[in-house]
Amino acid sequence: MVENVIWPAYLDATLSRSEGRRVSQDLAVEEPTVDEIAKAVQQIGYDATIERDKAYSREPWAQRGRVVVRGADDSTKNDLIQAVAAYVVAMRE
């Protein structure tokens, strides 16, 4: 089974692409949390596990955690991140 990791930095509007953001500014939000990401992953239909004590390699000083996604074998990681980002944006509106 494939495990995908989604870091909050992937969706963070305050970061540039070179700093780790993986979605367009339209789908990015300010300071996304692992709880929001996990909820979005579950809305899409996958299992999500939150690991709060982890730090993204490009920002090792900030332990914002990460979300491990299981069961997303049928989609690419980029498609998964785009779908999660769309749900997080919708939840904040």
PDB file of N, CA and C in Angstrom:
ATOM      1  N   MET A   1       0.840  -1.180   0.000  1.00  0.00           N
ATOM      2  CA  MET A   1       0.000   0.000   0.000  1.00  0.00           C
ATOM      3  C   MET A   1       0.887   1.246   0.000  1.00  0.00           C
ATOM      4  N   VAL A   2       0.520   2.202  -0.804  1.00  0.00           N
ATOM      5  CA  VAL A   2       1.291   3.441  -0.933  1.00  0.00           C
ATOM      6  C   VAL A   2       0.885   4.411   0.163  1.00  0.00           C
ATOM      7  N   GLU A   3       1.874   5.049   0.748  1.00  0.00           N
ATOM      8  CA  GLU A   3       1.623   6.108   1.726  1.00  0.00           C
ATOM      9  C   GLU A   3       2.129   7.419   1.142  1.00  0.00           C
ATOM     10  N   ASN A   4       1.279   8.421   1.138  1.00  0.00           N
ATOM     11  CA  ASN A   4       1.669   9.758   0.706  1.00  0.00           C
ATOM     12  C   ASN A   4       1.705  10.661   1.919  1.00  0.00           C
ATOM     13  N   VAL A   5       2.663  11.568   1.941  1.00  0.00           N
ATOM     14  CA  VAL A   5       2.786  12.522   3.038  1.00  0.00           C
ATOM     15  C   VAL A   5       2.415  13.900   2.515  1.00  0.00           C
ATOM     16  N   ILE A   6       1.547  14.590   3.249  1.00  0.00           N
ATOM     17  CA  ILE A   6       1.199  15.966   2.910  1.00  0.00           C
ATOM     18  C   ILE A   6       1.648  16.856   4.059  1.00  0.00           C
ATOM     19  N   TRP A   7       2.542  17.775   3.740  1.00  0.00           N
ATOM     20  CA  TRP A   7       3.039  18.740   4.707  1.00  0.00           C
ATOM     21  C   TRP A   7       2.214  20.008   4.599  1.00  0.00           C
ATOM     22  N   PRO A   8       1.951  20.706   5.692  1.00  0.00           N
ATOM     23  CA  PRO A   8       1.228  21.982   5.619  1.00  0.00           C
ATOM     24  C   PRO A   8       1.891  22.992   4.678  1.00  0.00           C
ATOM     25  N   ALA A   9       3.197  22.939   4.547  1.00  0.00           N
ATOM     26  CA  ALA A   9       3.912  23.868   3.663  1.00  0.00           C
ATOM     27  C   ALA A   9       3.438  23.740   2.215  1.00  0.00           C
ATOM     28  N   TYR A  10       2.965  22.569   1.807  1.00  0.00           N
ATOM     29  CA  TYR A  10       2.489  22.359   0.438  1.00  0.00           C
ATOM     30  C   TYR A  10       1.323  23.287   0.107  1.00  0.00           C
ATOM     31  N   LEU A  11       0.542  23.673   1.121  1.00  0.00           N
ATOM     32  CA  LEU A  11      -0.675  24.460   0.905  1.00  0.00           C
ATOM     33  C   LEU A  11      -0.566  25.885   1.430  1.00  0.00           C
ATOM     34  N   ASP A  12       0.588  26.279   1.938  1.00  0.00           N
ATOM     35  CA  ASP A  12       0.739  27.556   2.629  1.00  0.00           C
ATOM     36  C   ASP A  12       0.923  28.725   1.658  1.00  0.00           C
ATOM     37  N   ALA A  13      -0.016  29.668   1.685  1.00  0.00           N
ATOM     38  CA  ALA A  13       0.008  30.820   0.780  1.00  0.00           C
ATOM     39  C   ALA A  13       1.158  31.778   1.075  1.00  0.00           C
ATOM     40  N   THR A  14       1.704  31.724   2.271  1.00  0.00           N
ATOM     41  CA  THR A  14       2.787  32.637   2.617  1.00  0.00           C
ATOM     42  C   THR A  14       4.142  32.158   2.103  1.00  0.00           C
ATOM     43  N   LEU A  15       4.197  30.955   1.563  1.00  0.00           N
ATOM     44  CA  LEU A  15       5.450  30.410   1.043  1.00  0.00           C
ATOM     45  C   LEU A  15       5.470  30.477  -0.484  1.00  0.00           C
ATOM     46  N   SER A  16       6.665  30.559  -1.029  1.00  0.00           N
ATOM     47  CA  SER A  16       6.822  30.520  -2.486  1.00  0.00           C
ATOM     48  C   SER A  16       6.968  29.065  -2.922  1.00  0.00           C
ATOM     49  N   ARG A  17       6.959  28.865  -4.218  1.00  0.00           N
ATOM     50  CA  ARG A  17       7.144  27.502  -4.732  1.00  0.00           C
ATOM     51  C   ARG A  17       8.507  26.946  -4.302  1.00  0.00           C
ATOM     52  N   SER A  18       9.530  27.775  -4.333  1.00  0.00           N
ATOM     53  CA  SER A  18      10.868  27.296  -3.957  1.00  0.00           C
ATOM     54  C   SER A  18      10.983  27.015  -2.469  1.00  0.00           C
ATOM     55  N   GLU A  19      10.082  27.588  -1.680  1.00  0.00           N
ATOM     56  CA  GLU A  19      10.075  27.331  -0.239  1.00  0.00           C
ATOM     57  C   GLU A  19       9.219  26.118   0.127  1.00  0.00           C
ATOM     58  N   GLY A  20       8.542  25.526  -0.860  1.00  0.00           N
ATOM     59  CA  GLY A  20       7.825  24.290  -0.600  1.00  0.00           C
ATOM     60  C   GLY A  20       6.358  24.247  -0.972  1.00  0.00           C
ATOM     61  N   ARG A  21       5.771  25.389  -1.368  1.00  0.00           N
ATOM     62  CA  ARG A  21       4.356  25.365  -1.742  1.00  0.00           C
ATOM     63  C   ARG A  21       4.201  24.579  -3.032  1.00  0.00           C
ATOM     64  N   ARG A  22       3.180  23.717  -3.103  1.00  0.00           N
ATOM     65  CA  ARG A  22       2.985  22.868  -4.268  1.00  0.00           C
ATOM     66  C   ARG A  22       1.700  23.162  -5.031  1.00  0.00           C
ATOM     67  N   VAL A  23       0.895  24.085  -4.539  1.00  0.00           N
ATOM     68  CA  VAL A  23      -0.355  24.420  -5.217  1.00  0.00           C
ATOM     69  C   VAL A  23      -0.309  25.876  -5.665  1.00  0.00           C
ATOM     70  N   SER A  24      -1.198  26.237  -6.585  1.00  0.00           N
ATOM     71  CA  SER A  24      -1.258  27.618  -7.046  1.00  0.00           C
ATOM     72  C   SER A  24      -1.759  28.515  -5.916  1.00  0.00           C
ATOM     73  N   GLN A  25      -1.565  29.811  -6.073  1.00  0.00           N
ATOM     74  CA  GLN A  25      -2.019  30.757  -5.054  1.00  0.00           C
ATOM     75  C   GLN A  25      -3.536  30.681  -4.869  1.00  0.00           C
ATOM     76  N   ASP A  26      -4.265  30.314  -5.917  1.00  0.00           N
ATOM     77  CA  ASP A  26      -5.728  30.188  -5.820  1.00  0.00           C
ATOM     78  C   ASP A  26      -6.148  29.116  -4.817  1.00  0.00           C
ATOM     79  N   LEU A  27      -5.357  28.055  -4.704  1.00  0.00           N
ATOM     80  CA  LEU A  27      -5.698  26.938  -3.816  1.00  0.00           C
ATOM     81  C   LEU A  27      -4.944  26.984  -2.488  1.00  0.00           C
ATOM     82  N   ALA A  28      -4.049  27.940  -2.344  1.00  0.00           N
ATOM     83  CA  ALA A  28      -3.260  28.031  -1.115  1.00  0.00           C
ATOM     84  C   ALA A  28      -4.024  28.824  -0.052  1.00  0.00           C
ATOM     85  N   VAL A  29      -3.764  28.499   1.211  1.00  0.00           N
ATOM     86  CA  VAL A  29      -4.368  29.209   2.344  1.00  0.00           C
ATOM     87  C   VAL A  29      -3.248  29.606   3.306  1.00  0.00           C
ATOM     88  N   GLU A  30      -3.524  30.589   4.143  1.00  0.00           N
ATOM     89  CA  GLU A  30      -2.517  31.003   5.112  1.00  0.00           C
ATOM     90  C   GLU A  30      -2.520  30.067   6.313  1.00  0.00           C
ATOM     91  N   GLU A  31      -1.354  29.605   6.667  1.00  0.00           N
ATOM     92  CA  GLU A  31      -1.133  28.743   7.825  1.00  0.00           C
ATOM     93  C   GLU A  31      -2.116  27.577   7.929  1.00  0.00           C
ATOM     94  N   PRO A  32      -2.087  26.662   6.961  1.00  0.00           N
ATOM     95  CA  PRO A  32      -2.954  25.480   7.062  1.00  0.00           C
ATOM     96  C   PRO A  32      -2.502  24.591   8.221  1.00  0.00           C
ATOM     97  N   THR A  33      -3.451  23.926   8.857  1.00  0.00           N
ATOM     98  CA  THR A  33      -3.121  23.044   9.978  1.00  0.00           C
ATOM     99  C   THR A  33      -3.239  21.590   9.546  1.00  0.00           C
ATOM    100  N   VAL A  34      -2.585  20.712  10.291  1.00  0.00           N
ATOM    101  CA  VAL A  34      -2.680  19.285   9.987  1.00  0.00           C
ATOM    102  C   VAL A  34      -4.109  18.782  10.216  1.00  0.00           C
ATOM    103  N   ASP A  35      -4.838  19.405  11.138  1.00  0.00           N
ATOM    104  CA  ASP A  35      -6.227  18.995  11.381  1.00  0.00           C
ATOM    105  C   ASP A  35      -7.102  19.291  10.164  1.00  0.00           C
ATOM    106  N   GLU A  36      -6.924  20.463   9.556  1.00  0.00           N
ATOM    107  CA  GLU A  36      -7.677  20.813   8.353  1.00  0.00           C
ATOM    108  C   GLU A  36      -7.325  19.867   7.203  1.00  0.00           C
ATOM    109  N   ILE A  37      -6.046  19.583   7.064  1.00  0.00           N
ATOM    110  CA  ILE A  37      -5.594  18.710   5.979  1.00  0.00           C
ATOM    111  C   ILE A  37      -6.155  17.304   6.170  1.00  0.00           C
ATOM    112  N   ALA A  38      -6.094  16.784   7.401  1.00  0.00           N
ATOM    113  CA  ALA A  38      -6.608  15.442   7.675  1.00  0.00           C
ATOM    114  C   ALA A  38      -8.108  15.361   7.415  1.00  0.00           C
ATOM    115  N   LYS A  39      -8.839  16.397   7.800  1.00  0.00           N
ATOM    116  CA  LYS A  39     -10.285  16.419   7.563  1.00  0.00           C
ATOM    117  C   LYS A  39     -10.582  16.416   6.061  1.00  0.00           C
ATOM    118  N   ALA A  40      -9.806  17.177   5.293  1.00  0.00           N
ATOM    119  CA  ALA A  40      -9.978  17.215   3.842  1.00  0.00           C
ATOM    120  C   ALA A  40      -9.674  15.854   3.217  1.00  0.00           C
ATOM    121  N   VAL A  41      -8.619  15.205   3.696  1.00  0.00           N
ATOM    122  CA  VAL A  41      -8.256  13.873   3.191  1.00  0.00           C
ATOM    123  C   VAL A  41      -9.390  12.889   3.449  1.00  0.00           C
ATOM    124  N   GLN A  42      -9.984  12.945   4.630  1.00  0.00           N
ATOM    125  CA  GLN A  42     -11.084  12.043   4.953  1.00  0.00           C
ATOM    126  C   GLN A  42     -12.320  12.350   4.116  1.00  0.00           C
ATOM    127  N   GLN A  43     -12.558  13.619   3.788  1.00  0.00           N
ATOM    128  CA  GLN A  43     -13.682  14.000   2.927  1.00  0.00           C
ATOM    129  C   GLN A  43     -13.517  13.399   1.530  1.00  0.00           C
ATOM    130  N   ILE A  44     -12.277  13.306   1.083  1.00  0.00           N
ATOM    131  CA  ILE A  44     -12.005  12.729  -0.239  1.00  0.00           C
ATOM    132  C   ILE A  44     -12.194  11.213  -0.217  1.00  0.00           C
ATOM    133  N   GLY A  45     -12.041  10.615   0.956  1.00  0.00           N
ATOM    134  CA  GLY A  45     -12.281   9.183   1.071  1.00  0.00           C
ATOM    135  C   GLY A  45     -11.073   8.337   1.391  1.00  0.00           C
ATOM    136  N   TYR A  46     -10.019   8.949   1.877  1.00  0.00           N
ATOM    137  CA  TYR A  46      -8.818   8.203   2.237  1.00  0.00           C
ATOM    138  C   TYR A  46      -8.594   8.246   3.734  1.00  0.00           C
ATOM    139  N   ASP A  47      -7.768   7.333   4.226  1.00  0.00           N
ATOM    140  CA  ASP A  47      -7.410   7.307   5.646  1.00  0.00           C
ATOM    141  C   ASP A  47      -6.267   8.283   5.887  1.00  0.00           C
ATOM    142  N   ALA A  48      -6.393   9.068   6.956  1.00  0.00           N
ATOM    143  CA  ALA A  48      -5.363  10.050   7.281  1.00  0.00           C
ATOM    144  C   ALA A  48      -4.868   9.829   8.701  1.00  0.00           C
ATOM    145  N   THR A  49      -3.560   9.900   8.878  1.00  0.00           N
ATOM    146  CA  THR A  49      -2.933   9.826  10.192  1.00  0.00           C
ATOM    147  C   THR A  49      -2.128  11.099  10.402  1.00  0.00           C
ATOM    148  N   ILE A  50      -2.364  11.765  11.526  1.00  0.00           N
ATOM    149  CA  ILE A  50      -1.644  12.991  11.840  1.00  0.00           C
ATOM    150  C   ILE A  50      -0.416  12.653  12.680  1.00  0.00           C
ATOM    151  N   GLU A  51       0.729  13.177  12.259  1.00  0.00           N
ATOM    152  CA  GLU A  51       1.971  13.054  13.025  1.00  0.00           C
ATOM    153  C   GLU A  51       2.398  14.473  13.391  1.00  0.00           C
ATOM    154  N   ARG A  52       2.086  14.890  14.614  1.00  0.00           N
ATOM    155  CA  ARG A  52       2.262  16.283  15.035  1.00  0.00           C
ATOM    156  C   ARG A  52       3.707  16.674  15.346  1.00  0.00           C
ATOM    157  N   ASP A  53       4.571  15.711  15.644  1.00  0.00           N
ATOM    158  CA  ASP A  53       5.932  16.039  16.074  1.00  0.00           C
ATOM    159  C   ASP A  53       6.951  16.061  14.937  1.00  0.00           C
ATOM    160  N   LYS A  54       6.502  16.221  13.706  1.00  0.00           N
ATOM    161  CA  LYS A  54       7.397  16.213  12.556  1.00  0.00           C
ATOM    162  C   LYS A  54       7.609  17.627  12.025  1.00  0.00           C
ATOM    163  N   ALA A  55       8.770  17.846  11.416  1.00  0.00           N
ATOM    164  CA  ALA A  55       9.093  19.146  10.831  1.00  0.00           C
ATOM    165  C   ALA A  55       9.489  18.958   9.372  1.00  0.00           C
ATOM    166  N   TYR A  56       8.966  19.793   8.509  1.00  0.00           N
ATOM    167  CA  TYR A  56       9.280  19.786   7.080  1.00  0.00           C
ATOM    168  C   TYR A  56      10.758  20.128   6.899  1.00  0.00           C
ATOM    169  N   SER A  57      11.428  19.449   6.003  1.00  0.00           N
ATOM    170  CA  SER A  57      12.875  19.607   5.851  1.00  0.00           C
ATOM    171  C   SER A  57      13.295  21.025   5.450  1.00  0.00           C
ATOM    172  N   ARG A  58      12.420  21.775   4.797  1.00  0.00           N
ATOM    173  CA  ARG A  58      12.773  23.138   4.397  1.00  0.00           C
ATOM    174  C   ARG A  58      12.500  24.160   5.492  1.00  0.00           C
ATOM    175  N   GLU A  59      11.836  23.730   6.557  1.00  0.00           N
ATOM    176  CA  GLU A  59      11.625  24.603   7.714  1.00  0.00           C
ATOM    177  C   GLU A  59      11.739  23.775   8.997  1.00  0.00           C
ATOM    178  N   PRO A  60      12.965  23.304   9.305  1.00  0.00           N
ATOM    179  CA  PRO A  60      13.150  22.405  10.450  1.00  0.00           C
ATOM    180  C   PRO A  60      12.869  23.046  11.803  1.00  0.00           C
ATOM    181  N   TRP A  61      12.818  24.357  11.870  1.00  0.00           N
ATOM    182  CA  TRP A  61      12.548  25.060  13.129  1.00  0.00           C
ATOM    183  C   TRP A  61      11.061  25.036  13.493  1.00  0.00           C
ATOM    184  N   ALA A  62      10.189  24.734  12.534  1.00  0.00           N
ATOM    185  CA  ALA A  62       8.740  24.778  12.779  1.00  0.00           C
ATOM    186  C   ALA A  62       8.158  23.372  12.738  1.00  0.00           C
ATOM    187  N   GLN A  63       7.813  22.837  13.874  1.00  0.00           N
ATOM    188  CA  GLN A  63       7.209  21.504  13.917  1.00  0.00           C
ATOM    189  C   GLN A  63       5.700  21.632  13.739  1.00  0.00           C
ATOM    190  N   ARG A  64       5.282  21.767  12.471  1.00  0.00           N
ATOM    191  CA  ARG A  64       3.856  21.915  12.180  1.00  0.00           C
ATOM    192  C   ARG A  64       3.180  20.569  11.967  1.00  0.00           C
ATOM    193  N   GLY A  65       3.966  19.500  11.918  1.00  0.00           N
ATOM    194  CA  GLY A  65       3.416  18.166  11.732  1.00  0.00           C
ATOM    195  C   GLY A  65       3.241  17.831  10.264  1.00  0.00           C
ATOM    196  N   ARG A  66       2.656  16.656  10.039  1.00  0.00           N
ATOM    197  CA  ARG A  66       2.378  16.191   8.682  1.00  0.00           C
ATOM    198  C   ARG A  66       1.198  15.243   8.718  1.00  0.00           C
ATOM    199  N   VAL A  67       0.632  14.979   7.547  1.00  0.00           N
ATOM    200  CA  VAL A  67      -0.486  14.045   7.434  1.00  0.00           C
ATOM    201  C   VAL A  67      -0.052  12.915   6.511  1.00  0.00           C
ATOM    202  N   VAL A  68      -0.160  11.684   6.989  1.00  0.00           N
ATOM    203  CA  VAL A  68       0.166  10.513   6.184  1.00  0.00           C
ATOM    204  C   VAL A  68      -1.149   9.973   5.621  1.00  0.00           C
ATOM    205  N   VAL A  69      -1.206   9.848   4.298  1.00  0.00           N
ATOM    206  CA  VAL A  69      -2.420   9.408   3.606  1.00  0.00           C
ATOM    207  C   VAL A  69      -2.224   7.984   3.122  1.00  0.00           C
ATOM    208  N   ARG A  70      -3.143   7.115   3.512  1.00  0.00           N
ATOM    209  CA  ARG A  70      -3.097   5.714   3.076  1.00  0.00           C
ATOM    210  C   ARG A  70      -4.280   5.421   2.166  1.00  0.00           C
ATOM    211  N   GLY A  71      -4.060   4.565   1.198  1.00  0.00           N
ATOM    212  CA  GLY A  71      -5.149   4.131   0.332  1.00  0.00           C
ATOM    213  C   GLY A  71      -5.317   4.958  -0.918  1.00  0.00           C
ATOM    214  N   ALA A  72      -4.397   5.865  -1.194  1.00  0.00           N
ATOM    215  CA  ALA A  72      -4.498   6.709  -2.385  1.00  0.00           C
ATOM    216  C   ALA A  72      -3.680   6.115  -3.533  1.00  0.00           C
ATOM    217  N   ASP A  73      -3.803   4.810  -3.735  1.00  0.00           N
ATOM    218  CA  ASP A  73      -3.022   4.126  -4.756  1.00  0.00           C
ATOM    219  C   ASP A  73      -3.416   4.533  -6.172  1.00  0.00           C
ATOM    220  N   ASP A  74      -4.688   4.910  -6.356  1.00  0.00           N
ATOM    221  CA  ASP A  74      -5.210   5.158  -7.698  1.00  0.00           C
ATOM    222  C   ASP A  74      -4.952   6.568  -8.227  1.00  0.00           C
ATOM    223  N   SER A  75      -4.387   7.445  -7.411  1.00  0.00           N
ATOM    224  CA  SER A  75      -4.148   8.811  -7.881  1.00  0.00           C
ATOM    225  C   SER A  75      -2.692   9.200  -7.660  1.00  0.00           C
ATOM    226  N   THR A  76      -2.254  10.184  -8.425  1.00  0.00           N
ATOM    227  CA  THR A  76      -0.896  10.667  -8.242  1.00  0.00           C
ATOM    228  C   THR A  76      -0.857  11.576  -7.019  1.00  0.00           C
ATOM    229  N   LYS A  77       0.317  11.799  -6.496  1.00  0.00           N
ATOM    230  CA  LYS A  77       0.448  12.648  -5.321  1.00  0.00           C
ATOM    231  C   LYS A  77       0.003  14.076  -5.640  1.00  0.00           C
ATOM    232  N   ASN A  78       0.335  14.556  -6.837  1.00  0.00           N
ATOM    233  CA  ASN A  78      -0.061  15.911  -7.205  1.00  0.00           C
ATOM    234  C   ASN A  78      -1.589  16.046  -7.247  1.00  0.00           C
ATOM    235  N   ASP A  79      -2.276  15.070  -7.819  1.00  0.00           N
ATOM    236  CA  ASP A  79      -3.745  15.101  -7.854  1.00  0.00           C
ATOM    237  C   ASP A  79      -4.316  15.108  -6.444  1.00  0.00           C
ATOM    238  N   LEU A  80      -3.732  14.311  -5.570  1.00  0.00           N
ATOM    239  CA  LEU A  80      -4.172  14.241  -4.177  1.00  0.00           C
ATOM    240  C   LEU A  80      -3.999  15.595  -3.490  1.00  0.00           C
ATOM    241  N   ILE A  81      -2.853  16.225  -3.666  1.00  0.00           N
ATOM    242  CA  ILE A  81      -2.577  17.520  -3.038  1.00  0.00           C
ATOM    243  C   ILE A  81      -3.536  18.590  -3.565  1.00  0.00           C
ATOM    244  N   GLN A  82      -3.794  18.582  -4.856  1.00  0.00           N
ATOM    245  CA  GLN A  82      -4.719  19.559  -5.443  1.00  0.00           C
ATOM    246  C   GLN A  82      -6.126  19.394  -4.873  1.00  0.00           C
ATOM    247  N   ALA A  83      -6.582  18.139  -4.753  1.00  0.00           N
ATOM    248  CA  ALA A  83      -7.921  17.876  -4.213  1.00  0.00           C
ATOM    249  C   ALA A  83      -8.017  18.285  -2.746  1.00  0.00           C
ATOM    250  N   VAL A  84      -6.994  17.975  -1.968  1.00  0.00           N
ATOM    251  CA  VAL A  84      -6.979  18.350  -0.552  1.00  0.00           C
ATOM    252  C   VAL A  84      -6.990  19.871  -0.416  1.00  0.00           C
ATOM    253  N   ALA A  85      -6.200  20.548  -1.226  1.00  0.00           N
ATOM    254  CA  ALA A  85      -6.147  22.011  -1.175  1.00  0.00           C
ATOM    255  C   ALA A  85      -7.511  22.613  -1.487  1.00  0.00           C
ATOM    256  N   ALA A  86      -8.215  22.068  -2.476  1.00  0.00           N
ATOM    257  CA  ALA A  86      -9.544  22.578  -2.829  1.00  0.00           C
ATOM    258  C   ALA A  86     -10.514  22.413  -1.665  1.00  0.00           C
ATOM    259  N   TYR A  87     -10.439  21.294  -0.968  1.00  0.00           N
ATOM    260  CA  TYR A  87     -11.314  21.073   0.200  1.00  0.00           C
ATOM    261  C   TYR A  87     -10.981  22.025   1.352  1.00  0.00           C
ATOM    262  N   VAL A  88      -9.700  22.269   1.585  1.00  0.00           N
ATOM    263  CA  VAL A  88      -9.306  23.173   2.662  1.00  0.00           C
ATOM    264  C   VAL A  88      -9.814  24.587   2.358  1.00  0.00           C
ATOM    265  N   VAL A  89      -9.690  25.025   1.112  1.00  0.00           N
ATOM    266  CA  VAL A  89     -10.197  26.343   0.720  1.00  0.00           C
ATOM    267  C   VAL A  89     -11.708  26.403   0.947  1.00  0.00           C
ATOM    268  N   ALA A  90     -12.418  25.353   0.535  1.00  0.00           N
ATOM    269  CA  ALA A  90     -13.880  25.317   0.700  1.00  0.00           C
ATOM    270  C   ALA A  90     -14.277  25.324   2.177  1.00  0.00           C
ATOM    271  N   MET A  91     -13.508  24.643   3.039  1.00  0.00           N
ATOM    272  CA  MET A  91     -13.819  24.607   4.465  1.00  0.00           C
ATOM    273  C   MET A  91     -13.643  25.978   5.094  1.00  0.00           C
ATOM    274  N   ARG A  92     -12.724  26.766   4.597  1.00  0.00           N
ATOM    275  CA  ARG A  92     -12.454  28.080   5.186  1.00  0.00           C
ATOM    276  C   ARG A  92     -13.426  29.158   4.716  1.00  0.00           C
ATOM    277  N   GLU A  93     -14.167  28.895   3.666  1.00  0.00           N
ATOM    278  CA  GLU A  93     -15.107  29.904   3.157  1.00  0.00           C
ATOM    279  C   GLU A  93     -16.391  29.923   3.935  1.00  0.00           C
TER     280      GLU A  93
END
